[in-house]
Amino acid sequence: MLSDPIADMLTRIRNATMVYKDTVDVPASRFKEEIVKILVREGFLKGYEKVDVDGKPYLRLALKYGPRREQVIKHIRRISKPGRRVYVAAKEVPVVRRGLGIAILSTSKGVLVDREARRLGVGGELICEVW
């Protein structure tokens, strides 16, 4: 049993990109799928599909690399952890790398990117940052 499945997913993505894997499998959940949808929409992943591995649902993530095989995801870090939750107000939503990166938040309007949260005027739990 994992104490932090989101951190496990981010670590699997980080490790797979460091060794230039094409895909990585992570145990599925609706929350993880929402985070993956954002990563695909923002251009950090090629795509994903739901698969069954030994009868259990998994998300197979297609990792993305640049034209000269450089990593698209240079940094992916969990911010809010089970032992220390990090919440931000609508006016305190961070700008990651002056807009070149993204922060993913869990808000009352769903899982959002920092730009969307500022536009909608909502705060929430700061899940992770990616650049």
Protein backbone atom coordinates (compact mmCIF):
# COMPACT_ATOMS: atom_id res chain seq x y z
CA MET A 1 0.00 0.00 0.00
CA LEU A 2 1.25 3.46 -0.91
CA SER A 3 0.93 6.40 1.44
CA ASP A 4 1.06 8.91 -1.45
CA PRO A 5 -0.08 7.51 -4.83
CA ILE A 6 0.25 10.91 -6.56
CA ALA A 7 3.92 11.18 -5.56
CA ASP A 8 4.39 7.61 -6.80
CA MET A 9 2.93 8.55 -10.20
CA LEU A 10 5.15 11.63 -10.49
CA THR A 11 8.22 9.59 -9.51
CA ARG A 12 7.41 6.95 -12.14
CA ILE A 13 7.14 9.67 -14.79
CA ARG A 14 10.40 11.31 -13.62
CA ASN A 15 12.29 8.00 -13.60
CA ALA A 16 10.95 6.89 -16.99
CA THR A 17 11.93 10.17 -18.68
CA MET A 18 15.44 9.96 -17.23
CA VAL A 19 16.03 6.63 -19.00
CA TYR A 20 14.10 7.68 -22.15
CA LYS A 21 11.28 5.15 -21.94
CA ASP A 22 8.47 5.52 -24.47
CA THR A 23 5.68 4.62 -22.05
CA VAL A 24 5.16 4.16 -18.33
CA ASP A 25 2.31 2.40 -16.51
CA VAL A 26 0.78 3.85 -13.34
CA PRO A 27 -2.11 2.44 -11.28
CA ALA A 28 -5.30 4.22 -12.32
CA SER A 29 -7.57 6.52 -10.34
CA ARG A 30 -9.87 9.34 -11.38
CA PHE A 31 -7.67 11.97 -9.69
CA LYS A 32 -4.52 10.70 -11.42
CA GLU A 33 -6.39 10.67 -14.73
CA GLU A 34 -7.35 14.34 -14.27
CA ILE A 35 -3.69 15.22 -13.62
CA VAL A 36 -2.61 13.24 -16.69
CA LYS A 37 -5.24 14.99 -18.86
CA ILE A 38 -3.74 18.34 -17.83
CA LEU A 39 -0.20 17.12 -18.64
CA VAL A 40 -1.38 15.99 -22.09
CA ARG A 41 -3.29 19.24 -22.74
CA GLU A 42 -0.30 21.36 -21.69
CA GLY A 43 2.06 19.40 -23.98
CA PHE A 44 4.16 17.54 -21.40
CA LEU A 45 2.90 14.06 -22.43
CA LYS A 46 1.92 12.66 -25.85
CA GLY A 47 -1.16 10.90 -24.57
CA TYR A 48 -2.48 8.12 -22.39
CA GLU A 49 -4.74 5.09 -22.50
CA LYS A 50 -6.49 2.93 -19.93
CA VAL A 51 -5.21 -0.65 -19.84
CA ASP A 52 -5.70 -3.71 -17.64
CA VAL A 53 -2.57 -5.30 -16.20
CA ASP A 54 -3.28 -8.56 -14.36
CA GLY A 55 -6.92 -7.53 -14.02
CA LYS A 56 -6.14 -4.15 -12.42
CA PRO A 57 -6.73 -0.78 -14.12
CA TYR A 58 -3.63 1.15 -15.15
CA LEU A 59 -2.93 4.31 -17.11
CA ARG A 60 -0.32 3.86 -19.84
CA LEU A 61 1.31 7.23 -20.36
CA ALA A 62 3.10 8.01 -23.66
CA LEU A 63 6.10 10.17 -22.77
CA LYS A 64 7.19 13.05 -24.98
CA TYR A 65 10.69 14.08 -26.03
CA GLY A 66 12.08 16.89 -28.18
CA PRO A 67 13.46 16.52 -31.71
CA ARG A 68 16.97 15.75 -30.42
CA ARG A 69 15.64 13.40 -27.70
CA GLU A 70 15.75 16.08 -24.99
CA GLN A 71 13.32 15.72 -22.11
CA VAL A 72 10.13 17.78 -22.30
CA ILE A 73 9.56 17.30 -18.55
CA LYS A 74 12.71 18.70 -16.99
CA HIS A 75 11.26 19.00 -13.49
CA ILE A 76 8.18 17.48 -11.87
CA ARG A 77 7.72 17.87 -8.11
CA ARG A 78 5.00 17.13 -5.58
CA ILE A 79 4.21 20.17 -3.44
CA SER A 80 1.35 19.21 -1.11
CA LYS A 81 2.10 15.95 0.69
CA PRO A 82 0.01 13.81 3.07
CA GLY A 83 2.08 15.00 6.03
CA ARG A 84 2.01 18.66 5.02
CA ARG A 85 -0.84 19.90 2.87
CA VAL A 86 -0.25 23.15 1.02
CA TYR A 87 -3.23 25.36 0.23
CA VAL A 88 -3.20 28.68 -1.61
CA ALA A 89 -5.80 31.42 -1.86
CA ALA A 90 -6.95 32.66 -5.25
CA LYS A 91 -4.62 35.68 -5.09
CA GLU A 92 -1.64 33.55 -4.02
CA VAL A 93 -1.66 31.00 -6.88
CA PRO A 94 2.02 30.77 -7.90
CA VAL A 95 3.47 31.51 -11.34
CA VAL A 96 5.94 28.73 -12.17
CA ARG A 97 9.10 29.75 -14.04
CA ARG A 98 7.52 33.06 -15.09
CA GLY A 99 4.79 31.20 -16.98
CA LEU A 100 6.99 28.59 -18.69
CA GLY A 101 5.95 25.90 -16.21
CA ILE A 102 2.62 24.95 -14.68
CA ALA A 103 1.28 24.40 -11.20
CA ILE A 104 -1.58 21.91 -10.86
CA LEU A 105 -4.22 22.67 -8.22
CA SER A 106 -7.16 20.74 -6.83
CA THR A 107 -9.94 23.31 -6.48
CA SER A 108 -13.67 23.41 -5.91
CA LYS A 109 -14.00 23.72 -9.72
CA GLY A 110 -11.95 20.54 -10.29
CA VAL A 111 -8.30 19.95 -11.07
CA LEU A 112 -6.94 23.10 -12.76
CA VAL A 113 -3.74 24.64 -14.06
CA ASP A 114 -2.51 27.81 -12.31
CA ARG A 115 -3.62 30.06 -15.21
CA GLU A 116 -7.18 28.69 -15.13
CA ALA A 117 -7.36 29.02 -11.33
CA ARG A 118 -6.30 32.67 -11.49
CA ARG A 119 -8.77 33.36 -14.31
CA LEU A 120 -11.64 31.74 -12.38
CA GLY A 121 -10.55 33.36 -9.11
CA VAL A 122 -10.28 30.13 -7.11
CA GLY A 123 -7.60 28.72 -4.84
CA GLY A 124 -7.09 25.22 -3.56
CA GLU A 125 -4.56 22.52 -2.77
CA LEU A 126 -1.30 22.91 -4.67
CA ILE A 127 -0.66 19.40 -6.03
CA CYS A 128 2.54 19.70 -8.08
CA GLU A 129 4.62 21.87 -10.38
CA VAL A 130 6.02 20.90 -13.77
CA TRP A 131 8.45 22.55 -16.19
